[in-house]
Each structure stands twice: as C-alpha cells, then as structure tokens.
C-alpha cells in the first residue's frame, strides 16, 4: 500500500477567504472518492491549530500500489480538480511512502 499525503497553504486576504478556499479544496478532492481505480482512501482535513507554520489543508490518501498512485496522478478526474483549483493553492508539500 502507498500513502500519499499532500499539504497546502491557500490564497486569501482574510481568514474567511482562506476558509472558503480550504473548504473548496476539501469538497473537490473528496469528490474523487470512487472515481479512480486503486484509490482506496481519501480524506481531506482543514487546519484548526492556526499556528503560523501550519498548512491550511491536508490530503491523506491510500493507494493499492505505485501503479495506482501513477494512475491517480494522470487520471482525468484528478486533472480536472487540479485545474479547477489553479491559483487557490499557493504552497504545496508532499510525501509518498510505502507501508
């Protein structure tokens, strides 16, 4: 199994704008559930700590294997979500690991 974790900071001038952006990311990525073969788990969380070094959003997902992660990366449904969120995510951190 492969775990894929991505964290983002989002664009927004006010806390309300940042929260709206984070919620949009959550909704769009959670909408991928059941659409991509090999994607067994997808969960999106919004930061509640509000500490200065925290990211705003985290995506946690699990894939059957590296081939499934590659399929996800190139899948049209995933590409559509990325395009819809262009410019909203301003910083990105990622870790993929085998468990």
Protein backbone atom coordinates (compact mmCIF):
# COMPACT_ATOMS: atom_id res chain seq x y z
CA UNK A 1 0.00 0.00 0.00
CA UNK A 2 1.15 3.55 -0.78
CA UNK A 3 0.21 6.52 1.38
CA UNK A 4 0.09 9.89 -0.36
CA UNK A 5 -0.04 12.96 1.86
CA UNK A 6 -0.22 16.50 0.50
CA UNK A 7 -0.44 19.73 2.48
CA UNK A 8 -1.27 23.14 1.07
CA UNK A 9 -1.46 26.74 2.07
CA UNK A 10 -4.26 28.61 0.35
CA UNK A 11 -4.78 32.08 -1.04
CA UNK A 12 -6.95 34.54 0.87
CA UNK A 13 -6.72 38.06 2.22
CA UNK A 14 -8.95 37.35 5.23
CA UNK A 15 -9.49 34.30 7.44
CA UNK A 16 -12.92 33.93 5.83
CA UNK A 17 -11.46 33.88 2.31
CA UNK A 18 -8.85 31.33 3.34
CA UNK A 19 -11.51 29.14 4.97
CA UNK A 20 -13.69 29.29 1.85
CA UNK A 21 -10.70 28.28 -0.29
CA UNK A 22 -9.84 25.41 2.06
CA UNK A 23 -13.44 24.16 2.03
CA UNK A 24 -13.49 24.24 -1.77
CA UNK A 25 -10.33 22.11 -1.89
CA UNK A 26 -11.88 19.66 0.58
CA UNK A 27 -15.07 19.36 -1.45
CA UNK A 28 -13.31 18.93 -4.79
CA UNK A 29 -10.82 16.30 -3.63
CA UNK A 30 -13.37 14.34 -1.61
CA UNK A 31 -15.46 14.24 -4.78
CA UNK A 32 -12.82 11.93 -6.30
CA UNK A 33 -13.88 9.13 -3.96
CA UNK A 34 -14.93 6.09 -6.02
CA UNK A 35 -13.82 7.63 -9.33
CA UNK A 36 -10.25 6.35 -9.60
CA UNK A 37 -9.33 2.65 -9.52
CA UNK A 38 -6.78 1.80 -6.85
CA UNK A 39 -7.60 4.86 -4.69
CA UNK A 40 -8.84 3.10 -1.58
CA UNK A 41 -8.96 6.01 0.90
CA UNK A 42 -9.17 9.76 0.53
CA UNK A 43 -9.62 12.21 3.37
CA UNK A 44 -9.15 15.98 3.48
CA UNK A 45 -8.70 17.93 6.71
CA UNK A 46 -8.68 21.63 7.46
CA UNK A 47 -6.20 23.01 9.98
CA UNK A 48 -7.68 24.06 13.32
CA UNK A 49 -4.43 25.00 15.06
CA UNK A 50 -3.96 28.31 13.25
CA UNK A 51 -0.30 28.36 14.24
CA UNK A 52 1.94 30.34 11.93
CA UNK A 53 3.84 27.40 10.46
CA UNK A 54 0.84 25.11 9.88
CA UNK A 55 -0.53 24.33 6.45
CA UNK A 56 -4.18 25.15 5.80
CA UNK A 57 -5.28 21.85 4.25
CA UNK A 58 -4.06 18.25 4.31
CA UNK A 59 -4.98 15.44 1.92
CA UNK A 60 -4.45 11.88 3.12
CA UNK A 61 -4.94 9.09 0.61
CA UNK A 62 -4.08 5.42 0.23
CA UNK A 63 -3.42 3.53 -2.99
CA UNK A 64 -3.14 -0.18 -3.69
CA UNK A 65 0.35 0.22 -5.17
CA UNK A 66 2.65 2.60 -7.04
CA UNK A 67 0.83 1.91 -10.31
CA UNK A 68 -2.44 3.08 -8.73
CA UNK A 69 -0.76 6.27 -7.49
CA UNK A 70 0.54 6.91 -11.01
CA UNK A 71 -2.95 6.30 -12.43
CA UNK A 72 -4.35 8.84 -9.95
CA UNK A 73 -1.72 11.41 -10.87
CA UNK A 74 -2.67 11.17 -14.56
CA UNK A 75 -6.41 10.49 -14.21
CA UNK A 76 -8.75 12.96 -15.97
CA UNK A 77 -10.91 13.42 -12.84
CA UNK A 78 -7.83 14.39 -10.82
CA UNK A 79 -6.59 16.67 -13.61
CA UNK A 80 -9.98 18.41 -13.62
CA UNK A 81 -9.81 19.07 -9.87
CA UNK A 82 -6.26 20.41 -10.18
CA UNK A 83 -7.35 22.76 -12.97
CA UNK A 84 -10.38 23.97 -11.01
CA UNK A 85 -8.17 24.79 -8.02
CA UNK A 86 -5.42 26.53 -10.00
CA UNK A 87 -4.24 29.63 -8.15
CA UNK A 88 -6.06 28.77 -4.91
CA UNK A 89 -3.24 26.64 -3.53
CA UNK A 90 -0.15 28.78 -3.01
CA UNK A 91 2.26 26.34 -1.34
CA UNK A 92 2.44 22.55 -1.55
CA UNK A 93 4.25 19.85 0.41
CA UNK A 94 4.04 16.16 -0.40
CA UNK A 95 5.15 12.80 0.97
CA UNK A 96 4.52 9.39 -0.63
CA UNK A 97 5.58 6.29 1.24
CA UNK A 98 5.16 2.52 1.29
CA UNK A 99 3.59 0.92 4.33
